[in-house]
Amino acid sequence: MRHTKHWLVSHLPITAMALLAAVQAHAATIGVPENLPPWGLTAASPAGQRGIYVDLADAIVANTHIPLQITFVPYGRMFQEVKSGELDYAFGVVSPAISAAGPFIAVFAKTPMIAIARKGLSLKKLEDLRGFGEVGYLRGGSCGPLVDGDAAIHRVGQDNYDSAIRKLAAGRLDAWCSIKLGFTYALNNLNMAADMGDEVDYGAVKVGFQATTAKADSAEAHELATVVEKLVSDGTAGKIVAHYVGAPYSP
């Protein structure tokens, strides 16, 4: 009996590790962007300080028994990884182009859009973008239907807000379009608002929780959509957004 007990005790850590590995192997993945303030910062940041999408993912995990694994990826790769099924779920702008990779099963906020020109160029209305050489936008993201659907606007994908802001200041981009919240957050962090030119606020887009096509109609996806809707209705989602930008954005 003593030998059996010793064997069990000595093998418990191995068994526990094997069980943990098995759970992780079958866990659904939620993609969150890395180095895209304030939506996703870095995995090394403490919980509650890793960005809007990450905090929402943490809240989803805390409110379900479904095994979930949060995965940080460059935002420009998220579209392709949802499309290929490498990610089961992700966060992003609700747009026809992005929805083509997988449907959005829940919406948690609505946020305004902004277009901004480099100094020396006139931007008084959105249509002025048609006369610009290169209009930057976040690779894997959206400028909203008013810009995405205008073939006369020459959009050029950029990796992140910070590099786009520096390119605008240096004259290497003529203009930029994106969600206002993310761009102005980065602009203030860099203290470079004085280096920008004209800006135009236009429209608004929804941001939501996306499922890969294979998961979209599953019981798992329906349960997670219900969790997101609960986080919106009980005010959790609004508080998470307000934590980073000072005001909640409602659907």
Protein backbone atom coordinates (compact mmCIF):
# COMPACT_ATOMS: atom_id res chain seq x y z
CA MET A 1 0.00 0.00 0.00
CA ARG A 2 2.83 2.39 0.89
CA HIS A 3 4.50 1.68 -2.46
CA THR A 4 1.23 2.33 -4.31
CA LYS A 5 0.69 5.60 -2.48
CA HIS A 6 4.27 6.69 -3.20
CA TRP A 7 3.79 5.87 -6.89
CA LEU A 8 0.58 7.93 -7.05
CA VAL A 9 2.13 10.90 -5.31
CA SER A 10 5.23 10.85 -7.48
CA HIS A 11 3.17 10.61 -10.65
CA LEU A 12 0.48 13.18 -9.80
CA PRO A 13 2.48 16.16 -11.18
CA ILE A 14 3.08 14.28 -14.44
CA THR A 15 -0.57 13.33 -14.69
CA ALA A 16 -1.67 16.89 -13.95
CA MET A 17 0.68 18.26 -16.61
CA ALA A 18 -0.64 15.75 -19.13
CA LEU A 19 -4.24 16.71 -18.35
CA LEU A 20 -3.39 20.42 -18.63
CA ALA A 21 -1.69 19.83 -21.98
CA ALA A 22 -4.74 17.91 -23.20
CA VAL A 23 -7.08 20.74 -22.18
CA GLN A 24 -4.86 23.36 -23.83
CA ALA A 25 -4.66 21.26 -27.00
CA HIS A 26 -8.47 21.32 -27.26
CA ALA A 27 -8.99 24.88 -26.03
CA ALA A 28 -10.61 27.30 -28.45
CA THR A 29 -8.35 30.23 -29.33
CA ILE A 30 -9.30 33.89 -29.01
CA GLY A 31 -7.04 36.15 -31.04
CA VAL A 32 -6.14 39.55 -29.60
CA PRO A 33 -3.88 42.15 -31.25
CA GLU A 34 -0.40 42.84 -29.97
CA ASN A 35 1.11 46.36 -29.83
CA LEU A 36 -2.12 47.99 -30.98
CA PRO A 37 -3.04 50.46 -28.23
CA PRO A 38 -5.53 50.70 -26.67
CA TRP A 39 -7.05 47.55 -28.17
CA GLY A 40 -4.19 45.19 -27.37
CA LEU A 41 -0.87 45.91 -25.69
CA THR A 42 1.49 43.07 -24.77
CA ALA A 43 1.10 39.68 -23.13
CA ALA A 44 3.70 40.74 -20.53
CA SER A 45 1.46 43.48 -19.11
CA PRO A 46 -0.50 42.69 -15.94
CA ALA A 47 -4.13 41.58 -16.20
CA GLY A 48 -6.39 44.59 -16.54
CA GLN A 49 -3.67 46.56 -18.31
CA ARG A 50 -3.36 44.63 -21.55
CA GLY A 51 -5.85 46.53 -23.70
CA ILE A 52 -9.58 46.67 -24.44
CA TYR A 53 -9.83 43.48 -26.53
CA VAL A 54 -7.61 41.55 -24.11
CA ASP A 55 -9.58 42.61 -21.04
CA LEU A 56 -12.79 41.60 -22.83
CA ALA A 57 -11.25 38.23 -23.67
CA ASP A 58 -10.28 37.82 -19.99
CA ALA A 59 -13.87 38.64 -18.99
CA ILE A 60 -15.22 36.07 -21.46
CA VAL A 61 -12.90 33.41 -20.04
CA ALA A 62 -14.02 34.28 -16.51
CA ASN A 63 -17.70 33.94 -17.42
CA THR A 64 -17.72 30.55 -19.14
CA HIS A 65 -16.59 26.98 -18.49
CA ILE A 66 -15.54 26.56 -22.14
CA PRO A 67 -11.75 25.97 -22.37
CA LEU A 68 -10.32 29.09 -24.01
CA GLN A 69 -6.80 30.21 -24.81
CA ILE A 70 -6.00 33.88 -25.46
CA THR A 71 -3.44 34.31 -28.25
CA PHE A 72 -1.61 37.57 -29.07
CA VAL A 73 -0.98 38.11 -32.80
CA PRO A 74 -0.11 41.13 -34.99
CA TYR A 75 -3.42 42.72 -36.01
CA GLY A 76 -2.50 42.49 -39.68
CA ARG A 77 -2.43 38.68 -39.37
CA MET A 78 -5.70 38.24 -37.52
CA PHE A 79 -7.88 38.35 -40.63
CA GLN A 80 -5.93 35.55 -42.32
CA GLU A 81 -5.70 33.44 -39.16
CA VAL A 82 -9.46 33.60 -38.63
CA LYS A 83 -10.00 32.81 -42.30
CA SER A 84 -7.67 29.80 -42.14
CA GLY A 85 -9.05 28.57 -38.81
CA GLU A 86 -5.79 29.07 -36.90
CA LEU A 87 -7.83 31.29 -34.59
CA ASP A 88 -11.33 30.25 -33.55
CA TYR A 89 -12.41 33.71 -32.39
CA ALA A 90 -11.12 37.28 -32.66
CA PHE A 91 -12.08 40.91 -32.16
CA GLY A 92 -12.29 43.52 -34.87
CA VAL A 93 -14.24 46.10 -36.87
CA VAL A 94 -17.54 44.82 -38.25
CA SER A 95 -17.20 45.31 -42.00
CA PRO A 96 -18.08 43.27 -45.10
CA ALA A 97 -14.39 42.63 -45.88
CA ILE A 98 -13.48 41.41 -42.40
CA SER A 99 -16.75 39.47 -42.04
CA ALA A 100 -15.72 37.50 -45.13
CA ALA A 101 -13.17 35.67 -42.96
CA GLY A 102 -15.83 34.70 -40.43
CA PRO A 103 -19.09 36.18 -39.14
CA PHE A 104 -19.36 38.49 -36.16
CA ILE A 105 -21.47 36.75 -33.54
CA ALA A 106 -21.70 39.68 -31.10
CA VAL A 107 -21.17 43.46 -31.11
CA PHE A 108 -19.92 45.25 -28.02
CA ALA A 109 -19.29 48.86 -29.03
CA LYS A 110 -19.64 51.52 -31.70
CA THR A 111 -16.84 54.00 -32.32
CA PRO A 112 -16.37 57.01 -34.65
CA MET A 113 -13.96 57.14 -37.58
CA ILE A 114 -11.35 59.76 -38.38
CA ALA A 115 -9.44 60.84 -41.48
CA ILE A 116 -6.36 63.00 -40.98
CA ALA A 117 -3.97 64.61 -43.46
CA ARG A 118 -0.31 65.45 -43.18
CA LYS A 119 0.53 69.10 -42.76
CA GLY A 120 0.32 71.14 -45.95
CA LEU A 121 -2.57 69.20 -47.52
CA SER A 122 -6.15 70.36 -47.33
CA LEU A 123 -8.69 67.87 -45.98
CA LYS A 124 -12.09 69.51 -45.53
CA LYS A 125 -14.36 66.68 -46.56
CA LEU A 126 -13.94 62.93 -46.93
CA GLU A 127 -13.98 63.11 -50.73
CA ASP A 128 -10.72 65.10 -50.63
CA LEU A 129 -8.93 61.80 -49.93
CA ARG A 130 -9.43 60.90 -53.59
CA GLY A 131 -6.81 63.44 -54.59
CA PHE A 132 -4.13 62.14 -52.21
CA GLY A 133 -1.28 59.84 -53.18
CA GLU A 134 -1.25 57.35 -50.29
CA VAL A 135 -3.88 57.06 -47.59
CA GLY A 136 -2.75 54.79 -44.80
CA TYR A 137 -5.02 52.39 -42.98
CA LEU A 138 -4.44 49.65 -40.44
CA ARG A 139 -3.49 46.45 -42.26
CA GLY A 140 -6.16 43.85 -41.55
CA GLY A 141 -8.56 46.60 -40.48
CA SER A 142 -11.16 48.85 -42.05
CA CYS A 143 -11.78 52.53 -42.80
CA GLY A 144 -15.53 51.91 -42.82
CA PRO A 145 -17.77 51.51 -45.89
CA LEU A 146 -17.52 55.17 -46.98
CA VAL A 147 -13.78 54.77 -47.64
CA ASP A 148 -13.37 51.01 -48.17
CA GLY A 149 -15.89 51.11 -51.00
CA ASP A 150 -14.40 54.14 -52.78
CA ALA A 151 -12.04 52.88 -55.50
CA ALA A 152 -10.72 56.42 -56.06
CA ILE A 153 -9.06 56.48 -52.63
CA HIS A 154 -5.62 54.87 -52.76
CA ARG A 155 -5.35 53.03 -49.44
CA VAL A 156 -2.03 51.56 -48.31
CA GLY A 157 -1.88 49.13 -45.38
CA GLN A 158 0.27 50.03 -42.36
CA ASP A 159 1.37 47.82 -39.46
CA ASN A 160 0.41 50.03 -36.52
CA TYR A 161 -0.68 53.51 -35.45
CA ASP A 162 2.73 54.64 -34.19
CA SER A 163 4.58 54.05 -37.45
CA ALA A 164 1.71 55.62 -39.42
CA ILE A 165 1.82 58.76 -37.27
CA ARG A 166 5.56 59.09 -37.79
CA LYS A 167 5.13 58.61 -41.56
CA LEU A 168 2.48 61.34 -41.62
CA ALA A 169 4.78 63.69 -39.72
CA ALA A 170 7.64 62.93 -42.13
CA GLY A 171 5.46 63.34 -45.23
CA ARG A 172 5.72 59.67 -46.22
CA LEU A 173 1.93 59.28 -46.03
CA ASP A 174 -0.53 61.87 -47.34
CA ALA A 175 -3.35 60.90 -45.01
CA TRP A 176 -4.73 58.29 -42.66
CA CYS A 177 -8.13 56.77 -41.92
CA SER A 178 -9.14 54.50 -39.03
CA ILE A 179 -11.11 54.18 -35.84
CA LYS A 180 -10.69 57.52 -34.09
CA LEU A 181 -10.26 56.05 -30.61
CA GLY A 182 -7.14 54.01 -31.45
CA PHE A 183 -5.47 56.67 -33.56
CA THR A 184 -5.97 59.54 -31.11
CA TYR A 185 -4.88 57.33 -28.21
CA ALA A 186 -1.58 56.62 -30.01
CA LEU A 187 -1.24 60.25 -31.11
CA ASN A 188 -1.55 61.49 -27.53
CA ASN A 189 0.92 58.87 -26.26
CA LEU A 190 3.48 60.07 -28.81
CA ASN A 191 2.67 63.74 -28.09
CA MET A 192 2.55 64.42 -31.84
CA ALA A 193 -0.86 66.04 -32.31
CA ALA A 194 0.87 69.29 -33.34
CA ASP A 195 2.56 67.45 -36.22
CA MET A 196 -0.74 66.48 -37.87
CA GLY A 197 -2.79 68.44 -40.43
CA ASP A 198 -6.52 68.72 -41.10
CA GLU A 199 -8.84 66.08 -39.74
CA VAL A 200 -12.38 64.99 -40.55
CA ASP A 201 -14.63 62.92 -38.33
CA TYR A 202 -16.93 60.71 -40.35
CA GLY A 203 -19.44 58.02 -39.60
CA ALA A 204 -19.00 55.26 -37.06
CA VAL A 205 -18.33 51.54 -37.14
CA LYS A 206 -19.16 48.70 -34.79
CA VAL A 207 -16.54 46.51 -33.17
CA GLY A 208 -17.37 42.97 -32.23
CA PHE A 209 -16.49 39.37 -31.49
CA GLN A 210 -15.88 37.22 -34.56
CA ALA A 211 -16.00 33.46 -35.03
CA THR A 212 -14.28 31.40 -37.69
CA THR A 213 -16.74 30.02 -40.26
CA ALA A 214 -16.39 26.48 -38.89
CA LYS A 215 -17.40 27.64 -35.40
CA ALA A 216 -20.08 30.19 -36.29
CA ASP A 217 -23.13 27.96 -35.83
CA SER A 218 -21.77 25.83 -33.01
CA ALA A 219 -23.24 25.62 -29.51
CA GLU A 220 -19.89 26.93 -28.27
CA ALA A 221 -20.13 30.08 -30.38
CA HIS A 222 -23.72 30.69 -29.30
CA GLU A 223 -22.72 30.42 -25.65
CA LEU A 224 -19.79 32.81 -26.10
CA ALA A 225 -22.04 35.28 -27.95
CA THR A 226 -24.41 35.17 -24.98
CA VAL A 227 -21.48 35.87 -22.64
CA VAL A 228 -20.43 38.92 -24.69
CA GLU A 229 -24.02 40.21 -24.74
CA LYS A 230 -24.13 39.85 -20.94
CA LEU A 231 -20.86 41.79 -20.59
CA VAL A 232 -22.42 44.58 -22.65
CA SER A 233 -25.77 44.61 -20.82
CA ASP A 234 -24.29 44.57 -17.32
CA GLY A 235 -21.91 47.43 -18.13
CA THR A 236 -18.67 45.43 -17.99
CA ALA A 237 -17.73 46.15 -21.61
CA GLY A 238 -18.38 49.88 -21.19
CA LYS A 239 -16.23 50.01 -18.05
CA ILE A 240 -13.37 48.24 -19.85
CA VAL A 241 -13.44 50.79 -22.69
CA ALA A 242 -13.72 53.69 -20.24
CA HIS A 243 -10.71 52.39 -18.30
CA TYR A 244 -8.51 53.12 -21.34
CA VAL A 245 -10.16 56.14 -22.97
CA GLY A 246 -12.16 57.81 -20.21
CA ALA A 247 -15.62 57.20 -21.66
CA PRO A 248 -17.62 54.09 -22.55
CA TYR A 249 -18.66 53.41 -26.12
CA SER A 250 -22.02 51.69 -26.40
CA PRO A 251 -23.31 49.46 -29.25
